[in-house]
């Protein structure tokens, strides 16, 4: 059943940066709703810019000191602070520091619990939406506080790579307690077919809500996973500084020195920290959640403002009346066999894809992609190793 988009459109979508070229329609009882083009859309066009109903940084990501705005997830570290932490070099100085866009003088903390925001606007928005309920005050660092115990339990069950956050659910409930009931109830009534908020706290209702967040997530960042809840990977302040350096017009020798400095910095970071360089979280997006999957998507999500604002752009020309689809698979997964793609989609999203690509390959043998066979082989090898260890322990 299609979610009631019209009455919540102004809340979620930036009216100054949205096109009137899309429409949410009910398809059938199997696919539910979908997003369709109302007019011709050219490759590269932005369809809309949307903010989430609620978002949250991943718990392990926050634990490893990826400092981000508590509300919009914008980076709080300067590029230099970011580079020092990731490289483990306390005295590191970056050239061209003026290229860093982070403005620490604008940051504000909650007066009670001291969680940080990138601006007074974000602090006020969080307070108005959910933070008055979730503020821990002086118990912010108390491991015995119920909210902190909840976070700790979540981390013990969900190790990286993370796909969602328990705090999404906590903030939804907090928003209801703070009077945002009409907005959230209409959305989740459509999604969960339930008129009573009390069902959220019963086992069946909790599982339904959890499944909605888990299978419908869009991470905040570069992931294109379908969901009301989407994964978000936002570039660190260091990454944005590097992009700005790449655009500098410098004499050849200075450019070579700068490139050499950046190359060495990334080597130091890889040695000290590994590949996890950016802030990651997830959010509940209303319009983006209307996009169904295709193994040959005609649109993709991005985060151009490096915060929780999601932009959907066309990957190809789209005709009026054509459905707008994203891919729940990454590029490597989309290149795998039909059998392999269907396996991932069934296990993670609980459906069988019938997009044009899958239909065109339906007569192919159900073979597993070479990459997946390698993964399975590694997994079997690890399992055999564990069995041998167990046998040796028994002896």
Protein backbone atom coordinates (compact mmCIF):
# COMPACT_ATOMS: atom_id res chain seq x y z
CA UNK A 1 0.00 0.00 0.00
CA UNK A 2 1.35 3.41 -0.93
CA UNK A 3 2.42 5.66 1.93
CA UNK A 4 0.53 8.96 2.18
CA UNK A 5 3.24 11.08 0.62
CA UNK A 6 1.38 14.32 -0.10
CA UNK A 7 0.61 15.28 3.51
CA UNK A 8 4.24 14.74 4.58
CA UNK A 9 5.97 16.00 1.44
CA UNK A 10 6.77 19.47 2.78
CA UNK A 11 8.26 17.99 5.97
CA UNK A 12 10.68 15.66 4.22
CA UNK A 13 11.54 17.32 0.92
CA UNK A 14 13.32 20.63 0.48
CA UNK A 15 10.80 22.66 -1.58
CA UNK A 16 13.58 24.79 -3.01
CA UNK A 17 15.48 21.83 -4.41
CA UNK A 18 12.83 19.37 -5.60
CA UNK A 19 11.53 18.71 -9.08
CA UNK A 20 7.85 18.13 -9.83
CA UNK A 21 8.86 15.30 -12.18
CA UNK A 22 8.09 12.34 -9.88
CA UNK A 23 4.94 10.72 -8.55
CA UNK A 24 4.32 7.89 -6.06
CA UNK A 25 1.81 5.29 -7.28
CA UNK A 26 0.42 2.03 -5.99
CA UNK A 27 1.51 -0.87 -8.27
CA UNK A 28 0.06 -4.06 -6.80
CA UNK A 29 -0.17 -6.02 -3.56
CA UNK A 30 3.21 -7.69 -4.21
CA UNK A 31 5.39 -4.68 -5.11
CA UNK A 32 3.37 -2.12 -3.18
CA UNK A 33 4.15 1.44 -4.20
CA UNK A 34 6.66 2.74 -6.73
CA UNK A 35 8.14 6.02 -7.93
CA UNK A 36 7.30 7.09 -11.50
CA UNK A 37 8.35 9.88 -13.85
CA UNK A 38 5.68 12.50 -14.56
CA UNK A 39 7.65 13.93 -17.48
CA UNK A 40 10.83 13.32 -19.46
CA UNK A 41 13.96 13.21 -17.31
CA UNK A 42 17.46 13.54 -18.74
CA UNK A 43 20.49 11.55 -17.59
CA UNK A 44 22.16 13.40 -14.73
CA UNK A 45 19.07 15.35 -13.70
CA UNK A 46 18.32 15.64 -9.98
CA UNK A 47 14.83 14.32 -9.25
CA UNK A 48 14.57 15.57 -5.67
CA UNK A 49 16.47 16.38 -2.50
CA UNK A 50 14.99 14.77 0.61
CA UNK A 51 15.72 14.89 4.32
CA UNK A 52 14.97 11.85 6.47
CA UNK A 53 12.17 11.60 8.97
CA UNK A 54 14.87 10.55 11.41
CA UNK A 55 18.52 9.48 11.15
CA UNK A 56 21.28 8.16 13.38
CA UNK A 57 24.99 7.47 13.22
CA UNK A 58 25.96 3.79 13.42
CA UNK A 59 26.93 2.72 16.93
CA UNK A 60 30.35 1.23 16.13
CA UNK A 61 31.11 4.19 13.88
CA UNK A 62 30.46 6.56 16.79
CA UNK A 63 32.37 4.38 19.24
CA UNK A 64 35.47 4.64 17.05
CA UNK A 65 35.34 8.45 17.39
CA UNK A 66 33.94 9.42 14.02
CA UNK A 67 32.61 12.75 15.30
CA UNK A 68 29.46 13.86 13.52
CA UNK A 69 26.55 16.19 14.14
CA UNK A 70 24.03 14.38 16.33
CA UNK A 71 21.21 15.54 14.03
CA UNK A 72 22.37 15.79 10.39
CA UNK A 73 25.57 13.66 10.60
CA UNK A 74 27.79 16.36 9.11
CA UNK A 75 31.45 15.90 10.09
CA UNK A 76 32.55 17.86 13.17
CA UNK A 77 36.31 17.23 12.94
CA UNK A 78 38.42 19.58 10.88
CA UNK A 79 40.40 17.95 8.10
CA UNK A 80 43.56 18.27 10.19
CA UNK A 81 41.93 16.75 13.29
CA UNK A 82 40.55 13.98 11.14
CA UNK A 83 43.97 13.27 9.59
CA UNK A 84 45.72 13.25 12.97
CA UNK A 85 43.27 10.76 14.46
CA UNK A 86 43.21 8.42 11.46
CA UNK A 87 46.98 8.43 10.93
CA UNK A 88 47.94 8.31 14.61
CA UNK A 89 50.27 11.30 14.09
CA UNK A 90 49.34 13.94 16.73
CA UNK A 91 51.50 16.74 15.34
CA UNK A 92 50.48 16.39 11.69
CA UNK A 93 49.86 19.66 9.83
CA UNK A 94 47.95 19.81 6.55
CA UNK A 95 48.89 22.26 3.81
CA UNK A 96 46.15 24.55 2.50
CA UNK A 97 44.05 24.36 5.72
CA UNK A 98 41.72 27.00 4.28
CA UNK A 99 40.22 24.29 2.05
CA UNK A 100 38.56 22.62 5.05
CA UNK A 101 34.85 23.43 5.18
CA UNK A 102 34.27 22.51 8.83
CA UNK A 103 33.46 25.54 10.99
CA UNK A 104 34.06 24.66 14.68
CA UNK A 105 32.97 28.14 15.77
CA UNK A 106 29.41 27.26 14.71
CA UNK A 107 29.24 24.00 16.67
CA UNK A 108 26.94 23.81 19.66
CA UNK A 109 26.46 21.21 22.36
CA UNK A 110 23.37 20.22 24.28
CA UNK A 111 23.58 22.16 27.57
CA UNK A 112 22.52 19.07 29.53
CA UNK A 113 24.31 16.07 27.94
CA UNK A 114 26.91 17.86 25.78
CA UNK A 115 26.25 15.88 22.57
CA UNK A 116 27.44 18.04 19.69
CA UNK A 117 25.71 19.62 16.71
CA UNK A 118 27.17 21.39 13.69
CA UNK A 119 24.95 24.43 14.21
CA UNK A 120 22.33 26.01 16.44
CA UNK A 121 19.72 25.07 13.83
CA UNK A 122 20.53 21.37 14.12
CA UNK A 123 20.55 21.54 17.92
CA UNK A 124 17.12 23.15 17.93
CA UNK A 125 15.73 20.75 15.33
CA UNK A 126 16.89 17.73 17.35
CA UNK A 127 15.41 19.19 20.54
CA UNK A 128 12.09 19.84 18.82
CA UNK A 129 11.93 16.40 17.23
CA UNK A 130 13.28 13.84 19.73
CA UNK A 131 16.20 14.95 21.92
CA UNK A 132 14.19 16.27 24.87
CA UNK A 133 13.08 12.69 25.50
CA UNK A 134 16.44 11.02 24.77
CA UNK A 135 18.75 13.52 26.47
CA UNK A 136 20.75 11.65 29.14
CA UNK A 137 21.94 14.77 30.95
CA UNK A 138 24.79 14.01 33.34
CA UNK A 139 24.32 10.28 32.68
CA UNK A 140 25.57 10.58 29.10
CA UNK A 141 28.70 8.53 29.86
CA UNK A 142 27.12 6.28 32.49
CA UNK A 143 27.34 2.67 31.20
CA UNK A 144 24.48 1.66 33.51
CA UNK A 145 21.98 4.11 32.03
CA UNK A 146 19.24 2.14 30.20
CA UNK A 147 19.84 3.92 26.88
CA UNK A 148 23.59 3.25 27.03
CA UNK A 149 22.93 -0.39 27.93
CA UNK A 150 20.64 -0.57 24.90
CA UNK A 151 23.40 0.79 22.65
CA UNK A 152 25.94 -1.62 24.12
CA UNK A 153 23.63 -4.59 23.59
CA UNK A 154 23.06 -3.53 19.98
CA UNK A 155 26.80 -3.33 19.33
CA UNK A 156 27.29 -6.79 20.79
CA UNK A 157 24.76 -8.16 18.30
CA UNK A 158 25.67 -6.10 15.23
CA UNK A 159 29.34 -5.88 14.34
CA UNK A 160 30.64 -3.87 11.36
CA UNK A 161 29.79 -3.52 8.57
CA UNK A 162 26.66 -1.99 10.05
CA UNK A 163 23.37 -1.57 8.16
CA UNK A 164 21.07 0.07 10.70
CA UNK A 165 20.93 1.51 14.20
CA UNK A 166 18.75 0.82 17.22
CA UNK A 167 18.68 4.58 17.77
CA UNK A 168 16.51 5.01 14.68
CA UNK A 169 13.77 3.17 16.52
CA UNK A 170 14.47 5.04 19.77
CA UNK A 171 14.23 8.39 17.98
CA UNK A 172 10.99 7.41 16.27
CA UNK A 173 9.42 6.59 19.63
CA UNK A 174 10.88 9.76 21.16
CA UNK A 175 9.42 11.81 18.31
CA UNK A 176 6.00 10.34 19.06
CA UNK A 177 6.38 11.21 22.75
CA UNK A 178 7.30 14.77 21.77
CA UNK A 179 4.12 15.25 19.76
CA UNK A 180 5.22 14.24 16.24
CA UNK A 181 2.52 11.59 16.33
CA UNK A 182 0.45 12.57 13.31
CA UNK A 183 3.41 12.42 10.91
CA UNK A 184 4.89 9.13 12.11
CA UNK A 185 1.60 7.39 12.77
CA UNK A 186 0.34 8.00 9.23
CA UNK A 187 3.58 6.67 7.75
CA UNK A 188 3.80 3.56 9.89
CA UNK A 189 0.09 2.84 9.75
CA UNK A 190 0.47 2.60 5.97
CA UNK A 191 3.59 0.46 6.28
CA UNK A 192 2.55 -1.79 9.17
CA UNK A 193 -1.26 -1.90 8.80
CA UNK A 194 -1.66 -1.07 12.48
CA UNK A 195 -3.83 1.59 14.13
CA UNK A 196 -2.36 1.29 17.63
CA UNK A 197 1.02 2.63 18.67
CA UNK A 198 0.97 0.22 21.62
CA UNK A 199 1.66 -2.59 19.17
CA UNK A 200 5.18 -1.21 18.74
CA UNK A 201 5.97 -2.49 22.22
CA UNK A 202 4.39 -5.96 21.84
CA UNK A 203 6.67 -8.72 20.46
CA UNK A 204 4.87 -8.94 17.11
CA UNK A 205 4.80 -5.18 16.63
CA UNK A 206 8.45 -4.82 17.62
CA UNK A 207 9.46 -7.46 15.08
CA UNK A 208 7.43 -5.71 12.40
CA UNK A 209 9.03 -2.36 13.16
CA UNK A 210 12.49 -3.90 13.34
CA UNK A 211 11.97 -5.66 9.99
CA UNK A 212 10.81 -2.40 8.43
CA UNK A 213 13.92 -0.56 9.55
CA UNK A 214 16.23 -3.47 8.69
CA UNK A 215 14.98 -4.39 5.22
CA UNK A 216 14.00 -0.88 4.16
CA UNK A 217 17.16 0.93 5.15
CA UNK A 218 19.09 3.50 3.14
CA UNK A 219 22.43 4.16 4.70
CA UNK A 220 23.40 7.82 4.78
CA UNK A 221 26.13 8.00 2.25
CA UNK A 222 26.81 6.22 -0.99
CA UNK A 223 24.82 3.03 -0.48
CA UNK A 224 21.76 2.49 -2.62
CA UNK A 225 20.05 -0.03 -0.35
CA UNK A 226 16.23 0.22 -0.53
CA UNK A 227 14.39 1.27 2.44
CA UNK A 228 12.46 3.54 4.50
CA UNK A 229 15.75 3.28 6.32
CA UNK A 230 18.74 3.97 4.12
CA UNK A 231 22.51 3.54 4.78
CA UNK A 232 24.52 6.74 4.67
CA UNK A 233 28.27 7.03 4.08
CA UNK A 234 29.35 10.66 4.35
CA UNK A 235 32.77 11.79 3.26
CA UNK A 236 35.06 12.73 6.10
CA UNK A 237 36.37 16.27 6.33
CA UNK A 238 39.74 14.88 5.23
CA UNK A 239 38.26 13.32 2.10
CA UNK A 240 36.60 16.61 1.19
CA UNK A 241 39.90 18.44 1.80
CA UNK A 242 41.65 16.00 -0.57
CA UNK A 243 39.01 16.61 -3.27
CA UNK A 244 39.51 20.35 -2.84
CA UNK A 245 43.28 19.90 -3.15
CA UNK A 246 42.81 17.96 -6.39
CA UNK A 247 40.99 20.98 -7.84
CA UNK A 248 43.79 23.42 -6.99
CA UNK A 249 45.70 24.96 -9.88
CA UNK A 250 49.33 24.82 -8.77
CA UNK A 251 52.74 24.87 -10.46
CA UNK A 252 53.82 21.37 -11.48
CA UNK A 253 56.43 20.99 -8.74
CA UNK A 254 54.02 22.11 -5.96
CA UNK A 255 51.31 19.84 -7.33
CA UNK A 256 53.71 16.90 -7.30
CA UNK A 257 54.74 17.66 -3.69
CA UNK A 258 51.10 17.90 -2.59
CA UNK A 259 50.18 14.63 -4.31
CA UNK A 260 53.16 12.93 -2.68
CA UNK A 261 52.10 14.25 0.74
CA UNK A 262 48.54 12.97 0.29
CA UNK A 263 49.73 9.57 -0.96
CA UNK A 264 51.94 9.14 2.10
CA UNK A 265 49.13 10.31 4.39
CA UNK A 266 46.79 7.62 3.05
CA UNK A 267 49.50 5.01 3.52
CA UNK A 268 49.86 6.09 7.15
CA UNK A 269 46.09 5.97 7.60
CA UNK A 270 45.81 2.52 6.04
CA UNK A 271 48.51 1.23 8.36
CA UNK A 272 46.94 2.80 11.46
CA UNK A 273 43.19 2.66 10.80
CA UNK A 274 42.37 0.64 7.70
CA UNK A 275 39.60 1.43 5.23
CA UNK A 276 36.94 2.85 7.57
CA UNK A 277 37.49 6.55 7.00
CA UNK A 278 34.03 8.11 6.84
CA UNK A 279 31.01 8.78 8.99
CA UNK A 280 28.30 6.16 8.49
CA UNK A 281 24.69 5.98 9.60
CA UNK A 282 21.18 5.35 8.33
CA UNK A 283 17.97 7.30 7.93
CA UNK A 284 14.29 6.85 7.22
CA UNK A 285 13.49 8.45 3.85
CA UNK A 286 9.93 8.78 2.66
CA UNK A 287 10.27 9.35 -1.10
CA UNK A 288 13.42 7.27 -1.54
CA UNK A 289 11.67 4.35 0.13
CA UNK A 290 9.17 4.37 -2.74
CA UNK A 291 11.90 3.34 -5.20
CA UNK A 292 11.81 -0.33 -6.14
CA UNK A 293 14.87 -2.35 -7.12
CA UNK A 294 16.24 -3.11 -10.56
CA UNK A 295 19.49 -4.84 -11.52
CA UNK A 296 19.78 -2.14 -14.21
CA UNK A 297 18.80 0.95 -12.20
CA UNK A 298 17.92 4.24 -13.87
CA UNK A 299 18.57 6.33 -10.74
CA UNK A 300 20.89 6.42 -7.74
CA UNK A 301 21.03 8.19 -4.39
CA UNK A 302 23.84 10.42 -3.20
CA UNK A 303 24.52 12.91 -0.40
CA UNK A 304 25.80 16.06 -2.12
CA UNK A 305 25.73 18.31 0.96
CA UNK A 306 27.70 15.75 3.00
CA UNK A 307 24.94 15.52 5.57
CA UNK A 308 21.68 13.57 5.78
CA UNK A 309 20.08 15.23 2.72
CA UNK A 310 19.56 12.55 0.07
CA UNK A 311 19.51 13.44 -3.63
CA UNK A 312 18.16 11.10 -6.28
CA UNK A 313 19.70 11.54 -9.76
CA UNK A 314 18.93 9.89 -13.08
CA UNK A 315 21.51 7.42 -14.42
CA UNK A 316 19.85 7.39 -17.84
CA UNK A 317 17.09 9.17 -19.74
CA UNK A 318 13.68 8.32 -18.23
CA UNK A 319 10.41 8.57 -20.18
CA UNK A 320 7.09 9.86 -18.78
CA UNK A 321 5.27 7.07 -16.95
CA UNK A 322 8.44 4.97 -16.57
CA UNK A 323 9.18 3.59 -13.11
CA UNK A 324 12.21 5.05 -11.36
CA UNK A 325 14.31 2.25 -9.84
CA UNK A 326 17.48 2.15 -7.80
CA UNK A 327 19.58 -0.93 -7.08
CA UNK A 328 19.75 -2.58 -3.70
CA UNK A 329 22.95 -4.28 -4.92
CA UNK A 330 26.37 -2.72 -5.26
CA UNK A 331 28.18 -2.57 -8.60
CA UNK A 332 30.07 -5.82 -8.06
CA UNK A 333 26.92 -7.69 -7.05
CA UNK A 334 25.05 -6.40 -10.10
CA UNK A 335 27.72 -7.93 -12.36
CA UNK A 336 27.18 -11.39 -10.89
CA UNK A 337 24.97 -14.10 -12.35
CA UNK A 338 21.18 -13.97 -12.08
CA UNK A 339 21.32 -16.84 -9.61
CA UNK A 340 23.82 -14.99 -7.40
CA UNK A 341 21.87 -11.73 -7.53
CA UNK A 342 18.63 -13.49 -6.59
CA UNK A 343 20.33 -15.20 -3.67
CA UNK A 344 21.47 -11.86 -2.21
CA UNK A 345 18.06 -10.26 -2.73
CA UNK A 346 16.17 -13.18 -1.21
CA UNK A 347 18.41 -13.33 1.85
CA UNK A 348 18.50 -9.59 2.50
CA UNK A 349 15.28 -8.16 1.05
CA UNK A 350 12.95 -11.18 0.91
CA UNK A 351 11.86 -10.93 -2.75
CA UNK A 352 12.66 -12.37 -6.18
CA UNK A 353 13.65 -9.78 -8.77
CA UNK A 354 11.77 -9.65 -12.08
CA UNK A 355 13.51 -6.67 -13.64
CA UNK A 356 14.23 -6.67 -17.41
CA UNK A 357 17.77 -7.96 -16.85
CA UNK A 358 16.59 -10.89 -14.72
CA UNK A 359 13.79 -11.74 -17.17
CA UNK A 360 16.24 -11.72 -20.09
CA UNK A 361 18.48 -14.16 -18.20
CA UNK A 362 15.74 -16.44 -16.86
CA UNK A 363 16.69 -19.32 -19.20
CA UNK A 364 20.32 -19.27 -18.09
CA UNK A 365 21.55 -22.08 -15.88
CA UNK A 366 21.36 -21.42 -12.14
CA UNK A 367 25.10 -21.02 -11.84
CA UNK A 368 26.93 -19.25 -9.07
CA UNK A 369 29.24 -16.38 -9.97
CA UNK A 370 32.97 -17.01 -9.71
CA UNK A 371 33.27 -14.31 -7.03
CA UNK A 372 30.61 -16.00 -4.91
CA UNK A 373 32.23 -19.40 -5.36
CA UNK A 374 35.49 -17.90 -4.10
CA UNK A 375 33.67 -16.41 -1.09
CA UNK A 376 31.99 -19.74 -0.35
CA UNK A 377 35.31 -21.53 -0.74
CA UNK A 378 36.94 -19.20 1.78
CA UNK A 379 34.02 -19.69 4.17
CA UNK A 380 34.26 -23.48 3.82
CA UNK A 381 38.00 -23.32 4.40
CA UNK A 382 37.47 -21.31 7.58
CA UNK A 383 34.81 -23.76 8.73
CA UNK A 384 37.12 -26.72 8.10
CA UNK A 385 39.84 -24.95 10.03
CA UNK A 386 37.48 -24.44 12.96
CA UNK A 387 36.51 -28.12 12.85
CA UNK A 388 40.19 -29.14 12.92
CA UNK A 389 40.78 -26.87 15.90
CA UNK A 390 37.80 -28.40 17.69
CA UNK A 391 39.11 -31.89 16.99
CA UNK A 392 42.55 -30.98 18.27
CA UNK A 393 40.98 -29.43 21.37
CA UNK A 394 38.97 -32.61 21.98
CA UNK A 395 42.16 -34.68 21.76
